[in-house]
Each structure stands twice: as C-alpha cells, then as structure tokens.
Amino acid sequence: MDHVVLDEQRQGIYTTVSWSPRMDPIVQYLIINREILALGHGVLAAQAAHAAVAGYLIAADSDSARVWAGGTFTKIILAVEDEGALRGLSSQLASAGIAHKLLEESRLQGKATAIGVAPLPKSAVAPFFSRLSLLR
C-alpha cells in the first residue's frame, strides 16, 4: 500500500491527511509493567497478547487501524518499572485523547499489567514514550 488518505477524528475535528507508510509508519505500542516479569514468560506473553488485541479492537474501525492491519503489524514493546508508572502513563494518554486500553489482571487482584495503544502514526504517539526503554 503506497499511499492512502486518512480521515481521523481528533479532538472533535475531522481531518483529512495524505499519508504514506514511508512518511510516518503506523505502529502499535505495547507497554508492559516490569513487575510481571517475575511471574514468568507465559504471563508476559499472555499480557502482551491481551494488550495487542485490546489496543487494536478499540480502534478497529479507524483508517489507521485498517492500514496497520493490512500491512506489517508493527509493534513496539516498551516497559515501565511499576504499576504506578503504568497508571500514570495511561492517565497522560487519556488526557491527550490517545486511544488505548489499560489492562488490569483480575487474577493479580486488579494489578495493572500492560497498556495496548491503538495503531496510530508513529509521530502522533512516540513523544509519549521517548523516555521508556524497550522491553528486553
């Protein structure tokens, strides 16, 4: 897909933007609470999978999600140190109108484990994550 026109509603205003994946790739960010790493690889994999699906589903009807789903499914997985940092980041994203889902695991007494961000142009969301490190 070389070129597409995106019609997105942002802050109550519809904008039409010419977009090309070479200009600004559409990516999905997943942010993991490092505290869950001690629970094992299976828990980590499940929470990352839940975050990816939840982030996509909240925006599945958007142009950017359709373009992303028709492309390479690029995901960037980052980490925060603890639940407080994850909840704080979720609040910042909500205040900015960035579509995302904060996951709270019932089997961990409601602990916030991950955030799945809707697939969006990287330039629109990268500034929120510039201080975070890749999950390793």
N, C-alpha and C. Protein backbone atom coordinates (compact mmCIF):
# COMPACT_ATOMS: atom_id res chain seq x y z
N MET A 1 0.85 -1.16 0.00
CA MET A 1 0.00 0.00 0.00
C MET A 1 0.90 1.23 0.00
N ASP A 2 0.94 1.96 -1.12
CA ASP A 2 1.85 3.09 -1.24
C ASP A 2 1.32 4.39 -0.69
N HIS A 3 0.03 4.63 -0.81
CA HIS A 3 -0.50 5.92 -0.41
C HIS A 3 -1.96 5.75 -0.02
N VAL A 4 -2.37 6.41 1.02
CA VAL A 4 -3.76 6.33 1.46
C VAL A 4 -4.14 7.68 2.07
N VAL A 5 -5.40 7.99 2.05
CA VAL A 5 -5.89 9.20 2.69
C VAL A 5 -6.56 8.79 3.99
N LEU A 6 -6.11 9.38 5.09
CA LEU A 6 -6.68 9.07 6.39
C LEU A 6 -7.69 10.14 6.79
N ASP A 7 -8.86 9.72 7.18
CA ASP A 7 -9.86 10.61 7.78
C ASP A 7 -9.98 10.20 9.23
N GLU A 8 -9.48 11.00 10.11
CA GLU A 8 -9.47 10.68 11.53
C GLU A 8 -10.14 11.81 12.30
N GLN A 9 -10.83 11.44 13.37
CA GLN A 9 -11.39 12.45 14.25
C GLN A 9 -10.43 12.62 15.41
N ARG A 10 -9.96 13.83 15.59
CA ARG A 10 -9.05 14.15 16.69
C ARG A 10 -9.60 15.37 17.39
N GLN A 11 -9.86 15.22 18.66
CA GLN A 11 -10.39 16.30 19.48
C GLN A 11 -11.63 16.91 18.85
N GLY A 12 -12.52 16.07 18.33
CA GLY A 12 -13.79 16.53 17.79
C GLY A 12 -13.72 17.13 16.40
N ILE A 13 -12.55 17.14 15.78
CA ILE A 13 -12.39 17.74 14.45
C ILE A 13 -11.92 16.67 13.49
N TYR A 14 -12.60 16.53 12.37
CA TYR A 14 -12.16 15.58 11.36
C TYR A 14 -11.11 16.23 10.49
N THR A 15 -10.05 15.50 10.24
CA THR A 15 -9.01 16.00 9.35
C THR A 15 -8.73 14.95 8.30
N THR A 16 -8.40 15.40 7.13
CA THR A 16 -8.01 14.50 6.05
C THR A 16 -6.54 14.77 5.77
N VAL A 17 -5.75 13.72 5.81
CA VAL A 17 -4.32 13.84 5.65
C VAL A 17 -3.85 12.82 4.63
N SER A 18 -3.04 13.26 3.69
CA SER A 18 -2.39 12.30 2.80
C SER A 18 -1.29 11.62 3.59
N TRP A 19 -1.23 10.32 3.48
CA TRP A 19 -0.29 9.57 4.30
C TRP A 19 0.35 8.47 3.47
N SER A 20 1.59 8.24 3.72
CA SER A 20 2.32 7.15 3.10
C SER A 20 3.13 6.45 4.19
N PRO A 21 3.19 5.11 4.18
CA PRO A 21 3.96 4.43 5.21
C PRO A 21 5.43 4.80 5.22
N ARG A 22 5.93 5.29 4.10
CA ARG A 22 7.32 5.73 4.08
C ARG A 22 7.49 7.05 4.82
N MET A 23 6.42 7.85 4.90
CA MET A 23 6.48 9.14 5.58
C MET A 23 6.44 8.95 7.10
N ASP A 24 5.50 8.15 7.57
CA ASP A 24 5.25 8.03 9.00
C ASP A 24 4.56 6.68 9.24
N PRO A 25 5.30 5.67 9.63
CA PRO A 25 4.70 4.34 9.76
C PRO A 25 3.63 4.28 10.86
N ILE A 26 2.62 3.48 10.63
CA ILE A 26 1.62 3.24 11.65
C ILE A 26 2.12 2.07 12.49
N VAL A 27 2.17 2.29 13.79
CA VAL A 27 2.69 1.29 14.71
C VAL A 27 1.73 1.12 15.88
N GLN A 28 1.91 0.02 16.58
CA GLN A 28 1.18 -0.19 17.82
C GLN A 28 2.20 -0.30 18.95
N TYR A 29 2.01 0.52 19.96
CA TYR A 29 2.86 0.45 21.14
C TYR A 29 2.19 -0.42 22.19
N LEU A 30 2.99 -1.29 22.81
CA LEU A 30 2.58 -2.07 23.96
C LEU A 30 3.53 -1.70 25.09
N ILE A 31 2.97 -1.39 26.25
CA ILE A 31 3.79 -1.03 27.40
C ILE A 31 3.52 -2.04 28.50
N ILE A 32 4.58 -2.66 28.99
CA ILE A 32 4.49 -3.73 29.97
C ILE A 32 5.00 -3.24 31.33
N ASN A 33 4.30 -3.63 32.39
CA ASN A 33 4.74 -3.37 33.75
C ASN A 33 5.82 -4.40 34.09
N ARG A 34 7.05 -3.96 34.33
CA ARG A 34 8.16 -4.88 34.61
C ARG A 34 7.91 -5.80 35.80
N GLU A 35 7.03 -5.41 36.69
CA GLU A 35 6.74 -6.23 37.87
C GLU A 35 6.21 -7.62 37.48
N ILE A 36 5.59 -7.73 36.30
CA ILE A 36 5.05 -9.04 35.92
C ILE A 36 6.10 -9.98 35.37
N LEU A 37 7.30 -9.47 35.09
CA LEU A 37 8.35 -10.34 34.56
C LEU A 37 8.69 -11.47 35.53
N ALA A 38 8.57 -11.21 36.81
CA ALA A 38 8.87 -12.23 37.82
C ALA A 38 7.86 -13.37 37.79
N LEU A 39 6.73 -13.18 37.12
CA LEU A 39 5.69 -14.21 37.07
C LEU A 39 5.92 -15.23 35.96
N GLY A 40 6.90 -15.00 35.13
CA GLY A 40 7.26 -15.97 34.10
C GLY A 40 6.94 -15.52 32.69
N HIS A 41 7.52 -16.26 31.75
CA HIS A 41 7.37 -15.93 30.34
C HIS A 41 5.93 -16.09 29.85
N GLY A 42 5.22 -17.07 30.38
CA GLY A 42 3.84 -17.29 29.96
C GLY A 42 2.95 -16.13 30.31
N VAL A 43 3.09 -15.60 31.52
CA VAL A 43 2.29 -14.44 31.94
C VAL A 43 2.64 -13.24 31.08
N LEU A 44 3.93 -13.03 30.84
CA LEU A 44 4.36 -11.92 29.99
C LEU A 44 3.75 -12.04 28.60
N ALA A 45 3.84 -13.22 28.01
CA ALA A 45 3.29 -13.43 26.66
C ALA A 45 1.79 -13.19 26.64
N ALA A 46 1.08 -13.69 27.64
CA ALA A 46 -0.37 -13.50 27.69
C ALA A 46 -0.74 -12.03 27.83
N GLN A 47 -0.06 -11.31 28.69
CA GLN A 47 -0.38 -9.89 28.89
C GLN A 47 -0.05 -9.06 27.64
N ALA A 48 1.06 -9.37 26.98
CA ALA A 48 1.40 -8.67 25.74
C ALA A 48 0.37 -8.96 24.66
N ALA A 49 -0.07 -10.22 24.57
CA ALA A 49 -1.09 -10.58 23.58
C ALA A 49 -2.40 -9.87 23.88
N HIS A 50 -2.80 -9.86 25.14
CA HIS A 50 -4.04 -9.16 25.53
C HIS A 50 -3.95 -7.67 25.16
N ALA A 51 -2.81 -7.06 25.45
CA ALA A 51 -2.63 -5.64 25.16
C ALA A 51 -2.70 -5.36 23.66
N ALA A 52 -2.09 -6.22 22.86
CA ALA A 52 -2.10 -6.03 21.41
C ALA A 52 -3.53 -6.12 20.86
N VAL A 53 -4.25 -7.13 21.29
CA VAL A 53 -5.62 -7.30 20.80
C VAL A 53 -6.51 -6.16 21.28
N ALA A 54 -6.41 -5.80 22.57
CA ALA A 54 -7.26 -4.74 23.12
C ALA A 54 -6.98 -3.40 22.43
N GLY A 55 -5.70 -3.09 22.21
CA GLY A 55 -5.35 -1.84 21.54
C GLY A 55 -5.90 -1.78 20.12
N TYR A 56 -5.86 -2.90 19.43
CA TYR A 56 -6.40 -2.95 18.07
C TYR A 56 -7.93 -2.83 18.09
N LEU A 57 -8.58 -3.57 18.97
CA LEU A 57 -10.05 -3.60 18.96
C LEU A 57 -10.68 -2.24 19.28
N ILE A 58 -10.04 -1.44 20.11
CA ILE A 58 -10.65 -0.14 20.43
C ILE A 58 -10.60 0.82 19.26
N ALA A 59 -9.82 0.49 18.24
CA ALA A 59 -9.68 1.37 17.08
C ALA A 59 -9.89 0.64 15.76
N ALA A 60 -10.45 -0.54 15.80
CA ALA A 60 -10.53 -1.39 14.60
C ALA A 60 -11.23 -0.72 13.42
N ASP A 61 -12.14 0.18 13.69
CA ASP A 61 -12.86 0.85 12.60
C ASP A 61 -12.16 2.10 12.08
N SER A 62 -11.03 2.44 12.64
CA SER A 62 -10.33 3.66 12.19
C SER A 62 -9.49 3.36 10.95
N ASP A 63 -9.23 4.40 10.19
CA ASP A 63 -8.40 4.25 8.99
C ASP A 63 -7.00 3.76 9.34
N SER A 64 -6.44 4.30 10.40
CA SER A 64 -5.07 3.90 10.74
C SER A 64 -5.00 2.43 11.14
N ALA A 65 -6.01 1.93 11.86
CA ALA A 65 -6.02 0.51 12.23
C ALA A 65 -6.19 -0.38 10.99
N ARG A 66 -7.00 0.06 10.04
CA ARG A 66 -7.17 -0.73 8.82
C ARG A 66 -5.87 -0.77 8.01
N VAL A 67 -5.19 0.37 7.92
CA VAL A 67 -3.92 0.40 7.20
C VAL A 67 -2.91 -0.50 7.92
N TRP A 68 -2.83 -0.40 9.24
CA TRP A 68 -1.91 -1.21 10.03
C TRP A 68 -2.20 -2.70 9.85
N ALA A 69 -3.48 -3.07 9.91
CA ALA A 69 -3.86 -4.49 9.78
C ALA A 69 -3.58 -5.02 8.37
N GLY A 70 -3.54 -4.14 7.39
CA GLY A 70 -3.25 -4.56 6.03
C GLY A 70 -1.76 -4.54 5.71
N GLY A 71 -0.95 -4.18 6.72
CA GLY A 71 0.48 -4.06 6.49
C GLY A 71 1.28 -5.06 7.28
N THR A 72 2.23 -4.56 8.05
CA THR A 72 3.20 -5.43 8.72
C THR A 72 2.92 -5.68 10.20
N PHE A 73 1.86 -5.11 10.74
CA PHE A 73 1.53 -5.28 12.17
C PHE A 73 2.68 -4.85 13.08
N THR A 74 3.35 -3.78 12.75
CA THR A 74 4.50 -3.35 13.54
C THR A 74 4.08 -3.00 14.97
N LYS A 75 4.78 -3.64 15.92
CA LYS A 75 4.56 -3.38 17.34
C LYS A 75 5.88 -2.98 17.96
N ILE A 76 5.81 -2.06 18.90
CA ILE A 76 6.98 -1.64 19.67
C ILE A 76 6.64 -1.91 21.13
N ILE A 77 7.43 -2.76 21.78
CA ILE A 77 7.12 -3.16 23.14
C ILE A 77 8.10 -2.50 24.10
N LEU A 78 7.53 -1.69 24.97
CA LEU A 78 8.32 -0.93 25.94
C LEU A 78 7.96 -1.38 27.35
N ALA A 79 8.71 -0.90 28.33
CA ALA A 79 8.44 -1.29 29.71
C ALA A 79 8.50 -0.08 30.63
N VAL A 80 7.71 -0.15 31.70
CA VAL A 80 7.79 0.79 32.81
C VAL A 80 8.16 -0.01 34.05
N GLU A 81 8.66 0.66 35.05
CA GLU A 81 9.18 -0.03 36.24
C GLU A 81 8.12 -0.63 37.14
N ASP A 82 6.94 0.01 37.22
CA ASP A 82 5.96 -0.48 38.18
C ASP A 82 4.54 -0.06 37.79
N GLU A 83 3.60 -0.52 38.59
CA GLU A 83 2.19 -0.25 38.32
C GLU A 83 1.86 1.24 38.36
N GLY A 84 2.46 1.97 39.28
CA GLY A 84 2.21 3.41 39.37
C GLY A 84 2.60 4.13 38.09
N ALA A 85 3.75 3.76 37.53
CA ALA A 85 4.20 4.38 36.28
C ALA A 85 3.25 4.03 35.13
N LEU A 86 2.76 2.79 35.12
CA LEU A 86 1.84 2.36 34.06
C LEU A 86 0.52 3.14 34.16
N ARG A 87 -0.01 3.26 35.36
CA ARG A 87 -1.26 4.02 35.55
C ARG A 87 -1.06 5.50 35.22
N GLY A 88 0.10 6.05 35.58
CA GLY A 88 0.39 7.45 35.25
C GLY A 88 0.44 7.67 33.74
N LEU A 89 1.08 6.75 33.03
CA LEU A 89 1.16 6.85 31.58
C LEU A 89 -0.24 6.75 30.96
N SER A 90 -1.06 5.85 31.48
CA SER A 90 -2.44 5.72 30.98
C SER A 90 -3.19 7.03 31.15
N SER A 91 -3.01 7.70 32.28
CA SER A 91 -3.66 9.00 32.51
C SER A 91 -3.19 10.04 31.51
N GLN A 92 -1.89 10.06 31.22
CA GLN A 92 -1.36 11.01 30.24
C GLN A 92 -1.94 10.76 28.86
N LEU A 93 -2.02 9.49 28.47
CA LEU A 93 -2.58 9.15 27.17
C LEU A 93 -4.05 9.54 27.10
N ALA A 94 -4.79 9.27 28.16
CA ALA A 94 -6.21 9.63 28.19
C ALA A 94 -6.39 11.14 28.08
N SER A 95 -5.59 11.89 28.78
CA SER A 95 -5.68 13.36 28.73
C SER A 95 -5.40 13.90 27.33
N ALA A 96 -4.54 13.20 26.60
CA ALA A 96 -4.19 13.63 25.25
C ALA A 96 -5.14 13.06 24.19
N GLY A 97 -6.09 12.24 24.61
CA GLY A 97 -7.04 11.67 23.65
C GLY A 97 -6.47 10.53 22.82
N ILE A 98 -5.41 9.88 23.32
CA ILE A 98 -4.81 8.75 22.61
C ILE A 98 -5.56 7.48 22.99
N ALA A 99 -6.13 6.81 22.00
CA ALA A 99 -6.91 5.59 22.25
C ALA A 99 -5.99 4.49 22.75
N HIS A 100 -6.34 3.92 23.89
CA HIS A 100 -5.54 2.86 24.49
C HIS A 100 -6.39 2.09 25.49
N LYS A 101 -5.87 0.97 25.93
CA LYS A 101 -6.54 0.15 26.93
C LYS A 101 -5.54 -0.21 28.02
N LEU A 102 -5.87 0.13 29.26
CA LEU A 102 -5.08 -0.26 30.42
C LEU A 102 -5.61 -1.61 30.88
N LEU A 103 -4.73 -2.60 30.93
CA LEU A 103 -5.15 -3.95 31.33
C LEU A 103 -4.92 -4.14 32.82
N GLU A 104 -5.95 -4.63 33.49
CA GLU A 104 -5.88 -4.94 34.91
C GLU A 104 -6.23 -6.41 35.07
N GLU A 105 -5.32 -7.16 35.65
CA GLU A 105 -5.48 -8.61 35.74
C GLU A 105 -6.21 -9.00 37.02
N SER A 106 -7.38 -9.60 36.84
CA SER A 106 -8.20 -10.00 37.99
C SER A 106 -7.50 -11.05 38.84
N ARG A 107 -6.72 -11.93 38.21
CA ARG A 107 -6.02 -12.96 38.98
C ARG A 107 -4.85 -12.40 39.78
N LEU A 108 -4.55 -11.12 39.57
CA LEU A 108 -3.50 -10.44 40.34
C LEU A 108 -4.10 -9.31 41.16
N GLN A 109 -5.34 -9.50 41.60
CA GLN A 109 -6.06 -8.53 42.43
C GLN A 109 -6.18 -7.16 41.76
N GLY A 110 -6.42 -7.16 40.46
CA GLY A 110 -6.62 -5.92 39.72
C GLY A 110 -5.36 -5.15 39.37
N LYS A 111 -4.21 -5.77 39.50
CA LYS A 111 -2.94 -5.10 39.19
C LYS A 111 -2.91 -4.71 37.71
N ALA A 112 -2.47 -3.49 37.46
CA ALA A 112 -2.29 -3.02 36.08
C ALA A 112 -1.04 -3.67 35.51
N THR A 113 -1.20 -4.40 34.41
CA THR A 113 -0.10 -5.18 33.86
C THR A 113 0.46 -4.65 32.54
N ALA A 114 -0.38 -3.99 31.76
CA ALA A 114 0.05 -3.57 30.43
C ALA A 114 -0.89 -2.51 29.86
N ILE A 115 -0.42 -1.84 28.84
CA ILE A 115 -1.23 -0.90 28.06
C ILE A 115 -1.10 -1.32 26.60
N GLY A 116 -2.22 -1.38 25.91
CA GLY A 116 -2.23 -1.57 24.47
C GLY A 116 -2.71 -0.28 23.83
N VAL A 117 -1.88 0.32 23.01
CA VAL A 117 -2.23 1.57 22.33
C VAL A 117 -2.77 1.23 20.95
N ALA A 118 -3.77 1.97 20.52
CA ALA A 118 -4.33 1.77 19.18
C ALA A 118 -3.24 1.99 18.13
N PRO A 119 -3.31 1.28 17.01
CA PRO A 119 -2.37 1.55 15.92
C PRO A 119 -2.55 2.98 15.41
N LEU A 120 -1.47 3.74 15.43
CA LEU A 120 -1.50 5.15 15.04
C LEU A 120 -0.19 5.51 14.35
N PRO A 121 -0.19 6.61 13.61
CA PRO A 121 1.09 7.07 13.04
C PRO A 121 2.10 7.28 14.17
N LYS A 122 3.29 6.80 13.95
CA LYS A 122 4.32 6.84 14.98
C LYS A 122 4.55 8.24 15.52
N SER A 123 4.54 9.23 14.65
CA SER A 123 4.81 10.60 15.09
C SER A 123 3.75 11.12 16.07
N ALA A 124 2.55 10.57 16.01
CA ALA A 124 1.47 11.04 16.89
C ALA A 124 1.62 10.53 18.32
N VAL A 125 2.29 9.40 18.49
CA VAL A 125 2.36 8.80 19.82
C VAL A 125 3.77 8.65 20.38
N ALA A 126 4.77 8.64 19.55
CA ALA A 126 6.15 8.44 20.02
C ALA A 126 6.58 9.41 21.12
N PRO A 127 6.18 10.68 21.09
CA PRO A 127 6.61 11.58 22.15
C PRO A 127 6.20 11.14 23.56
N PHE A 128 5.13 10.39 23.68
CA PHE A 128 4.69 9.92 24.99
C PHE A 128 5.61 8.83 25.54
N PHE A 129 6.37 8.20 24.68
CA PHE A 129 7.16 7.04 25.07
C PHE A 129 8.66 7.25 24.96
N SER A 130 9.10 8.46 24.68
CA SER A 130 10.52 8.71 24.41
C SER A 130 11.43 8.37 25.58
N ARG A 131 10.92 8.41 26.80
CA ARG A 131 11.76 8.13 27.98
C ARG A 131 11.73 6.64 28.39
N LEU A 132 10.93 5.85 27.72
CA LEU A 132 10.81 4.44 28.09
C LEU A 132 11.81 3.60 27.31
N SER A 133 12.18 2.47 27.88
CA SER A 133 13.12 1.59 27.20
C SER A 133 12.38 0.39 26.61
N LEU A 134 13.00 -0.19 25.59
CA LEU A 134 12.46 -1.40 25.00
C LEU A 134 12.43 -2.50 26.04
N LEU A 135 11.42 -3.35 25.98
CA LEU A 135 11.36 -4.49 26.88
C LEU A 135 12.41 -5.50 26.42
N ARG A 136 13.27 -5.91 27.32
CA ARG A 136 14.32 -6.87 26.99
C ARG A 136 14.29 -8.01 27.98
